[in-house]
Structure formats: C-alpha cells, structure tokens
C-alpha cells in the first residue's frame, strides 16, 4: 500500500509540473516542424530566447520564442516570421497565460515540410477556423 501511494504521489507531481505537446504548424519552422513533440515544465517561466507553450485565448495552446521579457508580460514571436500569428499581431503576452518553458524537443521522423527546407516558402495550413495560422500545439487532455 505505501508503494502505491508513493507511485500516485509521484505521478500527480509529474502531471502538475511536466507537459507534453505536439507541434501542428509551421510558425516555429525550422526550429520545430509539424509532428515534433515538446516537453515543457510548468514551473519555469519565460526567459528571453527560450521556447514557451502559452494559452492564446480563443485559439488554444501555441509554441513561440520569447523575444522580450517585461515585468508580468513578454513578447512572443514565431521563428518563421512570414507564417506566424504572434505578438506582432496580438501584442505583449501576460505571464499568467504562459503554460511552461520547453526543455526538450523530439523531432518527428521523417522531417516535415521538405519543400520549405530547400528554401521554398513554407506552406500555410489552418488548424481551426478561428486560427489565422497553424501555430497551435496539441496538448494531451485538452
């Protein structure tokens, strides 16, 4: 019985601090491609230059790079500037909507967007009718 309680406690602690997302768009290409998995820690806040998973109201979770940190807010940008819905359109992002900081990436195989990797413009695909670009992350249990 003590072992079961310990396992449950550890499982709950991991669930509350660690998250896994799957990239579904090209806004972070070439750093991230559709199908790549990102591991993030909920306890780590935004840090300039880091990747974060954030909850964009009306759109769901997104993965972006932190370009600038201000007290209580940050400026989020996609690496693929021509195909990213980011702070250039929705402004500074409140820290309260940052879900966590990405700490590991598992690339999808085979790599996505081969035409874009050869220098062609990255194709744009929608993930929802409301989303102007495909920069959402699919999070389990959401």
Protein backbone atom coordinates (compact mmCIF):
# COMPACT_ATOMS: atom_id res chain seq x y z
CA UNK A 1 0.00 0.00 0.00
CA UNK A 2 2.76 2.55 0.78
CA UNK A 3 4.34 1.83 -2.61
CA UNK A 4 1.03 2.51 -4.37
CA UNK A 5 0.59 5.82 -2.53
CA UNK A 6 4.15 6.81 -3.39
CA UNK A 7 3.57 5.99 -7.07
CA UNK A 8 0.34 8.00 -7.09
CA UNK A 9 2.04 10.97 -5.42
CA UNK A 10 4.94 10.91 -7.89
CA UNK A 11 2.53 10.55 -10.82
CA UNK A 12 0.49 13.54 -9.64
CA UNK A 13 3.62 15.64 -9.07
CA UNK A 14 4.88 14.87 -12.58
CA UNK A 15 1.47 15.62 -14.13
CA UNK A 16 1.34 19.00 -12.38
CA UNK A 17 4.86 20.06 -13.38
CA UNK A 18 5.58 18.42 -16.75
CA UNK A 19 3.65 18.64 -20.01
CA UNK A 20 3.96 17.21 -23.50
CA UNK A 21 2.75 18.94 -26.67
CA UNK A 22 2.77 18.09 -30.36
CA UNK A 23 3.54 20.85 -32.87
CA UNK A 24 0.90 21.18 -35.58
CA UNK A 25 2.01 24.15 -37.66
CA UNK A 26 4.97 25.84 -39.33
CA UNK A 27 5.19 29.06 -37.31
CA UNK A 28 8.32 27.83 -35.49
CA UNK A 29 9.99 26.27 -38.53
CA UNK A 30 12.91 25.48 -38.87
CA UNK A 31 13.34 25.03 -35.08
CA UNK A 32 10.12 22.99 -34.87
CA UNK A 33 8.20 21.11 -37.56
CA UNK A 34 4.69 19.64 -37.57
CA UNK A 35 4.68 16.43 -35.56
CA UNK A 36 7.63 17.38 -33.34
CA UNK A 37 6.98 16.75 -29.66
CA UNK A 38 7.91 19.31 -27.00
CA UNK A 39 8.38 18.60 -23.31
CA UNK A 40 7.76 21.62 -21.12
CA UNK A 41 7.97 22.42 -17.43
CA UNK A 42 5.06 24.33 -15.93
CA UNK A 43 7.23 25.66 -13.10
CA UNK A 44 9.59 27.54 -15.46
CA UNK A 45 8.53 30.97 -16.63
CA UNK A 46 9.51 32.85 -19.77
CA UNK A 47 13.16 33.64 -20.35
CA UNK A 48 14.40 35.69 -23.29
CA UNK A 49 15.33 33.41 -26.21
CA UNK A 50 13.54 30.36 -24.78
CA UNK A 51 10.60 28.49 -26.29
CA UNK A 52 7.36 28.54 -24.32
CA UNK A 53 3.94 26.96 -24.54
CA UNK A 54 1.27 29.61 -23.97
CA UNK A 55 -2.53 29.63 -23.88
CA UNK A 56 -3.79 32.06 -26.53
CA UNK A 57 -7.42 32.90 -25.62
CA UNK A 58 -9.78 31.82 -28.37
CA UNK A 59 -7.09 29.79 -30.14
CA UNK A 60 -5.67 27.30 -27.63
CA UNK A 61 -2.05 26.45 -26.86
CA UNK A 62 0.75 27.84 -29.02
CA UNK A 63 4.53 27.42 -29.04
CA UNK A 64 6.58 30.60 -29.50
CA UNK A 65 10.02 32.06 -28.78
CA UNK A 66 10.31 34.73 -26.09
CA UNK A 67 11.78 37.84 -27.75
CA UNK A 68 11.50 40.25 -24.82
CA UNK A 69 10.52 39.99 -21.15
CA UNK A 70 8.85 42.88 -19.32
CA UNK A 71 7.58 42.68 -15.73
CA UNK A 72 4.48 40.47 -15.89
CA UNK A 73 4.45 40.14 -19.68
CA UNK A 74 6.55 39.05 -22.64
CA UNK A 75 6.76 39.49 -26.41
CA UNK A 76 6.36 36.19 -28.26
CA UNK A 77 7.50 35.56 -31.84
CA UNK A 78 7.44 32.62 -34.22
CA UNK A 79 10.75 31.76 -35.88
CA UNK A 80 9.01 31.59 -39.27
CA UNK A 81 8.05 35.29 -39.35
CA UNK A 82 6.05 35.04 -42.62
CA UNK A 83 3.82 32.29 -41.22
CA UNK A 84 3.33 33.14 -37.55
CA UNK A 85 0.47 34.61 -35.56
CA UNK A 86 2.37 36.17 -32.67
CA UNK A 87 2.90 39.31 -30.57
CA UNK A 88 3.31 41.42 -33.69
CA UNK A 89 -0.45 40.94 -34.07
CA UNK A 90 -1.76 40.35 -30.53
CA UNK A 91 0.74 42.46 -28.55
CA UNK A 92 2.56 41.68 -25.33
CA UNK A 93 1.50 38.43 -23.70
CA UNK A 94 0.69 38.21 -19.96
CA UNK A 95 2.89 35.83 -17.96
CA UNK A 96 -0.25 34.36 -16.41
CA UNK A 97 -1.05 32.70 -19.77
CA UNK A 98 2.38 31.08 -20.14
CA UNK A 99 1.85 27.35 -19.52
CA UNK A 100 5.54 26.42 -19.34
CA UNK A 101 9.01 26.59 -20.86
CA UNK A 102 10.11 23.99 -23.43
CA UNK A 103 13.02 21.92 -22.11
CA UNK A 104 13.24 19.13 -24.72
CA UNK A 105 12.25 18.53 -28.34
CA UNK A 106 11.70 15.17 -30.05
CA UNK A 107 11.77 15.68 -33.82
CA UNK A 108 9.14 13.98 -35.93
CA UNK A 109 10.51 11.47 -38.44
CA UNK A 110 10.53 11.82 -41.39
CA UNK A 111 11.00 15.60 -41.17
CA UNK A 112 8.05 17.71 -42.29
CA UNK A 113 7.95 20.47 -44.90
CA UNK A 114 10.72 19.23 -47.23
CA UNK A 115 9.95 21.96 -49.79
CA UNK A 116 10.44 24.61 -47.12
CA UNK A 117 13.74 23.05 -46.08
CA UNK A 118 15.02 23.54 -49.64
CA UNK A 119 14.39 27.28 -49.47
CA UNK A 120 10.82 27.46 -50.79
CA UNK A 121 8.24 29.36 -48.75
CA UNK A 122 6.68 27.23 -46.03
CA UNK A 123 3.11 26.21 -46.80
CA UNK A 124 0.39 27.52 -44.51
CA UNK A 125 -2.25 25.17 -43.19
CA UNK A 126 -5.05 26.00 -40.80
CA UNK A 127 -5.72 24.04 -37.64
CA UNK A 128 -9.01 25.73 -36.73
CA UNK A 129 -11.39 28.09 -38.47
CA UNK A 130 -10.55 30.79 -35.90
CA UNK A 131 -6.78 30.43 -36.16
CA UNK A 132 -5.23 32.71 -38.78
CA UNK A 133 -2.16 30.49 -38.96
CA UNK A 134 -1.25 26.97 -37.92
CA UNK A 135 0.85 27.66 -34.84
CA UNK A 136 -1.03 25.61 -32.31
CA UNK A 137 0.33 22.83 -30.15
CA UNK A 138 -1.85 19.84 -29.41
CA UNK A 139 -1.72 19.05 -25.72
CA UNK A 140 -2.94 15.73 -24.34
CA UNK A 141 -6.02 16.01 -22.18
CA UNK A 142 -7.07 19.40 -23.51
